C-alpha atoms as a PDB file:
ATOM      1  CA  MET A   1      -4.874 171.328  53.656  1.00  0.00           C
ATOM      2  CA  LYS A   2      -1.997 170.619  55.928  1.00  0.00           C
ATOM      3  CA  ASN A   3      -1.350 167.001  56.949  1.00  0.00           C
ATOM      4  CA  SER A   4      -1.068 167.241  60.755  1.00  0.00           C
ATOM      5  CA  LYS A   5      -0.561 164.440  63.264  1.00  0.00           C
ATOM      6  CA  SER A   6      -1.983 166.269  66.270  1.00  0.00           C
ATOM      7  CA  PHE A   7      -5.366 166.333  67.975  1.00  0.00           C
ATOM      8  CA  THR A   8      -7.810 169.173  67.491  1.00  0.00           C
ATOM      9  CA  LEU A   9      -9.097 171.222  70.380  1.00  0.00           C
ATOM     10  CA  ILE A  10     -12.566 169.662  70.044  1.00  0.00           C
ATOM     11  CA  GLU A  11     -11.150 166.137  70.317  1.00  0.00           C
ATOM     12  CA  LEU A  12      -9.203 167.037  73.468  1.00  0.00           C
ATOM     13  CA  MET A  13     -12.258 168.665  75.043  1.00  0.00           C
ATOM     14  CA  ILE A  14     -14.397 165.570  74.337  1.00  0.00           C
ATOM     15  CA  VAL A  15     -11.780 163.289  75.917  1.00  0.00           C
ATOM     16  CA  LEU A  16     -11.577 165.543  79.003  1.00  0.00           C
ATOM     17  CA  LEU A  17     -15.367 165.564  79.273  1.00  0.00           C
ATOM     18  CA  ILE A  18     -15.516 161.751  79.153  1.00  0.00           C
ATOM     19  CA  VAL A  19     -12.742 161.423  81.745  1.00  0.00           C
ATOM     20  CA  GLY A  20     -14.536 163.925  83.990  1.00  0.00           C
ATOM     21  CA  ILE A  21     -17.821 162.017  83.793  1.00  0.00           C
ATOM     22  CA  LEU A  22     -16.100 158.717  84.588  1.00  0.00           C
ATOM     23  CA  ALA A  23     -14.271 160.291  87.544  1.00  0.00           C
ATOM     24  CA  ALA A  24     -17.529 161.707  88.945  1.00  0.00           C
ATOM     25  CA  LEU A  25     -19.185 158.292  88.717  1.00  0.00           C
ATOM     26  CA  GLY A  26     -16.211 156.649  90.405  1.00  0.00           C
ATOM     27  CA  VAL A  27     -16.219 159.095  93.327  1.00  0.00           C
ATOM     28  CA  ALA A  28     -19.959 158.604  93.891  1.00  0.00           C
ATOM     29  CA  ASN A  29     -19.591 154.807  93.897  1.00  0.00           C
ATOM     30  CA  TYR A  30     -16.570 154.999  96.208  1.00  0.00           C
ATOM     31  CA  SER A  31     -18.463 157.144  98.728  1.00  0.00           C
ATOM     32  CA  SER A  32     -21.416 154.771  98.691  1.00  0.00           C
ATOM     33  CA  ALA A  33     -19.212 151.710  99.156  1.00  0.00           C
ATOM     34  CA  ARG A  34     -17.349 153.423 102.001  1.00  0.00           C
ATOM     35  CA  GLU A  35     -20.590 154.246 103.840  1.00  0.00           C
ATOM     36  CA  ASN A  36     -21.797 150.660 103.399  1.00  0.00           C
ATOM     37  CA  ALA A  37     -18.531 149.403 104.898  1.00  0.00           C
ATOM     38  CA  PHE A  38     -18.939 151.749 107.889  1.00  0.00           C
ATOM     39  CA  ASP A  39     -22.507 150.504 108.388  1.00  0.00           C
ATOM     40  CA  ARG A  40     -21.345 146.872 108.303  1.00  0.00           C
ATOM     41  CA  GLU A  41     -18.678 147.706 110.902  1.00  0.00           C
ATOM     42  CA  ALA A  42     -21.310 149.139 113.245  1.00  0.00           C
ATOM     43  CA  GLN A  43     -23.617 146.154 112.742  1.00  0.00           C
ATOM     44  CA  ALA A  44     -20.809 143.674 113.440  1.00  0.00           C
ATOM     45  CA  ASN A  45     -19.669 145.505 116.578  1.00  0.00           C
ATOM     46  CA  LEU A  46     -23.238 145.763 117.904  1.00  0.00           C
ATOM     47  CA  SER A  47     -23.709 142.025 117.397  1.00  0.00           C
ATOM     48  CA  LEU A  48     -20.408 141.532 119.245  1.00  0.00           C
ATOM     49  CA  ILE A  49     -21.642 143.696 122.145  1.00  0.00           C
ATOM     50  CA  LEU A  50     -24.858 141.639 122.308  1.00  0.00           C
ATOM     51  CA  ALA A  51     -22.915 138.355 122.368  1.00  0.00           C
ATOM     52  CA  ALA A  52     -20.455 139.657 124.992  1.00  0.00           C
ATOM     53  CA  GLU A  53     -23.327 140.854 127.178  1.00  0.00           C
ATOM     54  CA  ARG A  54     -24.979 137.445 127.058  1.00  0.00           C
ATOM     55  CA  ILE A  55     -21.696 135.649 127.833  1.00  0.00           C
ATOM     56  CA  ALA A  56     -20.947 137.972 130.752  1.00  0.00           C
ATOM     57  CA  ARG A  57     -24.442 137.446 132.112  1.00  0.00           C
ATOM     58  CA  MET A  58     -24.173 133.632 131.822  1.00  0.00           C
ATOM     59  CA  GLU A  59     -20.699 133.464 133.372  1.00  0.00           C
ATOM     60  CA  SER A  60     -21.334 135.663 136.393  1.00  0.00           C
ATOM     61  CA  ASN A  61     -25.124 135.317 136.687  1.00  0.00           C
ATOM     62  CA  VAL A  62     -25.299 139.080 137.250  1.00  0.00           C
ATOM     63  CA  ASN A  63     -25.414 142.104 134.991  1.00  0.00           C
ATOM     64  CA  PRO A  64     -22.041 143.406 133.847  1.00  0.00           C
ATOM     65  CA  ALA A  65     -20.850 146.576 135.563  1.00  0.00           C
ATOM     66  CA  VAL A  66     -21.810 148.642 132.532  1.00  0.00           C
ATOM     67  CA  TYR A  67     -25.492 147.914 133.314  1.00  0.00           C
ATOM     68  CA  LEU A  68     -25.312 148.734 137.005  1.00  0.00           C
ATOM     69  CA  ALA A  69     -25.153 152.456 136.255  1.00  0.00           C
ATOM     70  CA  PRO A  70     -28.359 154.468 136.603  1.00  0.00           C
ATOM     71  CA  THR A  71     -30.891 154.085 133.814  1.00  0.00           C
ATOM     72  CA  ILE A  72     -30.134 155.703 130.425  1.00  0.00           C
ATOM     73  CA  ILE A  73     -26.500 156.603 131.184  1.00  0.00           C
ATOM     74  CA  PRO A  74     -24.299 156.164 128.108  1.00  0.00           C
ATOM     75  CA  THR A  75     -20.986 154.361 128.482  1.00  0.00           C
ATOM     76  CA  PRO A  76     -18.095 155.304 126.165  1.00  0.00           C
ATOM     77  CA  ASN A  77     -16.239 152.735 124.054  1.00  0.00           C
ATOM     78  CA  ALA A  78     -13.474 152.266 126.651  1.00  0.00           C
ATOM     79  CA  GLY A  79     -16.019 151.496 129.385  1.00  0.00           C
ATOM     80  CA  ILE A  80     -17.775 148.935 127.209  1.00  0.00           C
ATOM     81  CA  ASN A  81     -14.410 147.323 126.418  1.00  0.00           C
ATOM     82  CA  GLN A  82     -13.540 147.050 130.101  1.00  0.00           C
ATOM     83  CA  ASP A  83     -16.921 145.837 131.347  1.00  0.00           C
ATOM     84  CA  LEU A  84     -17.559 143.314 128.564  1.00  0.00           C
ATOM     85  CA  ASN A  85     -13.934 142.292 127.849  1.00  0.00           C
ATOM     86  CA  LEU A  86     -14.076 143.562 124.255  1.00  0.00           C
ATOM     87  CA  LEU A  87     -11.649 145.344 121.975  1.00  0.00           C
ATOM     88  CA  LEU A  88     -13.864 147.919 120.272  1.00  0.00           C
ATOM     89  CA  PRO A  89     -11.909 150.730 118.611  1.00  0.00           C
ATOM     90  CA  VAL A  90     -11.439 153.618 121.017  1.00  0.00           C
ATOM     91  CA  ASN A  91      -9.249 156.083 119.109  1.00  0.00           C
ATOM     92  CA  ASN A  92      -9.958 157.056 115.500  1.00  0.00           C
ATOM     93  CA  SER A  93     -13.183 155.083 115.498  1.00  0.00           C
ATOM     94  CA  ALA A  94     -15.887 155.887 112.963  1.00  0.00           C
ATOM     95  CA  TRP A  95     -18.544 155.091 115.580  1.00  0.00           C
ATOM     96  CA  ASP A  96     -19.309 155.964 119.194  1.00  0.00           C
ATOM     97  CA  TYR A  97     -20.929 153.071 121.037  1.00  0.00           C
ATOM     98  CA  THR A  98     -23.253 153.436 124.013  1.00  0.00           C
ATOM     99  CA  VAL A  99     -25.116 150.928 126.159  1.00  0.00           C
ATOM    100  CA  ARG A 100     -28.277 151.975 127.953  1.00  0.00           C
ATOM    101  CA  THR A 101     -30.316 150.078 130.502  1.00  0.00           C
ATOM    102  CA  CYS A 102     -33.976 149.779 131.425  1.00  0.00           C
ATOM    103  CA  ASN A 103     -35.914 148.052 134.188  1.00  0.00           C
ATOM    104  CA  SER A 104     -33.037 148.071 136.693  1.00  0.00           C
ATOM    105  CA  GLY A 105     -30.615 146.624 134.181  1.00  0.00           C
ATOM    106  CA  VAL A 106     -32.823 143.730 133.026  1.00  0.00           C
ATOM    107  CA  ASN A 107     -33.169 145.086 129.482  1.00  0.00           C
ATOM    108  CA  PHE A 108     -30.472 146.853 127.552  1.00  0.00           C
ATOM    109  CA  CYS A 109     -29.965 148.649 124.281  1.00  0.00           C
ATOM    110  CA  ALA A 110     -26.636 149.182 122.503  1.00  0.00           C
ATOM    111  CA  GLN A 111     -26.286 151.951 119.962  1.00  0.00           C
ATOM    112  CA  ALA A 112     -23.663 152.995 117.433  1.00  0.00           C
ATOM    113  CA  ALA A 113     -23.699 156.669 116.425  1.00  0.00           C
ATOM    114  CA  ARG A 114     -21.528 158.067 113.659  1.00  0.00           C
ATOM    115  CA  ASN A 115     -18.974 160.613 114.930  1.00  0.00           C
ATOM    116  CA  LEU A 116     -19.188 162.956 111.994  1.00  0.00           C
ATOM    117  CA  ALA A 117     -22.919 162.749 111.299  1.00  0.00           C
ATOM    118  CA  SER A 118     -25.030 162.082 114.366  1.00  0.00           C
ATOM    119  CA  VAL A 119     -28.044 161.219 112.206  1.00  0.00           C
ATOM    120  CA  ARG A 120     -26.481 157.851 111.238  1.00  0.00           C
ATOM    121  CA  ARG A 121     -27.281 155.404 114.011  1.00  0.00           C
ATOM    122  CA  TRP A 122     -27.651 151.654 114.442  1.00  0.00           C
ATOM    123  CA  CYS A 123     -29.329 149.997 117.412  1.00  0.00           C
ATOM    124  CA  ILE A 124     -29.555 146.507 118.929  1.00  0.00           C
ATOM    125  CA  SER A 125     -31.251 145.290 122.103  1.00  0.00           C
ATOM    126  CA  ASN A 126     -31.858 142.057 123.968  1.00  0.00           C
ATOM    127  CA  ASN A 127     -35.340 142.076 122.385  1.00  0.00           C
ATOM    128  CA  ASN A 128     -34.056 142.698 118.855  1.00  0.00           C
ATOM    129  CA  THR A 129     -31.038 140.565 117.977  1.00  0.00           C
ATOM    130  CA  VAL A 130     -30.465 142.060 114.517  1.00  0.00           C
ATOM    131  CA  PRO A 131     -28.938 145.569 114.316  1.00  0.00           C
ATOM    132  CA  SER A 132     -31.376 147.985 112.750  1.00  0.00           C
ATOM    133  CA  PRO A 133     -31.173 151.604 111.665  1.00  0.00           C
ATOM    134  CA  ASN A 134     -32.788 153.809 114.255  1.00  0.00           C
ATOM    135  CA  PRO A 135     -34.909 156.457 112.538  1.00  0.00           C
ATOM    136  CA  CYS A 136     -35.891 158.268 115.732  1.00  0.00           C
ATOM    137  CA  ASN A 137     -32.249 158.870 116.791  1.00  0.00           C
ATOM    138  CA  ALA A 138     -32.933 157.531 120.280  1.00  0.00           C
ATOM    139  CA  CYS A 139     -31.977 154.125 121.589  1.00  0.00           C
ATOM    140  CA  THR A 140     -34.822 152.891 123.760  1.00  0.00           C
ATOM    141  CA  CYS A 141     -35.462 149.643 125.587  1.00  0.00           C
ATOM    142  CA  ASN A 142     -38.768 147.856 125.399  1.00  0.00           C
ATOM    143  CA  PRO A 143     -39.950 146.554 128.766  1.00  0.00           C
END
């Protein structure tokens, strides 16, 4: 028997298998953490939109311009920024934000929809002050 100081093929294959398993687990956890961070971003921005809407309504005693549009007309991020004096991300944003109105602008609903996967949505309204996932994929206002 030859006294060798090298690894056998079986030992190398076992090490590669273990490294592969650990890498697969790491990628899965990274993807999950990334999606959670995106969801938290949408929730924070929707809460910001709700607060800005209330401030604008208290300061001017009228609905912001974004709500004076006809019912159920979405407003892009730039329009929301201008009408509510916000700085939501416009370019390279992970979310598209819309504000919809009901009852001649009395009630509103703000929604965040994921650019890449339109099935991921979060919604907040003046009746519901906590952002919630919207399973029906439609942002509606309750009268």
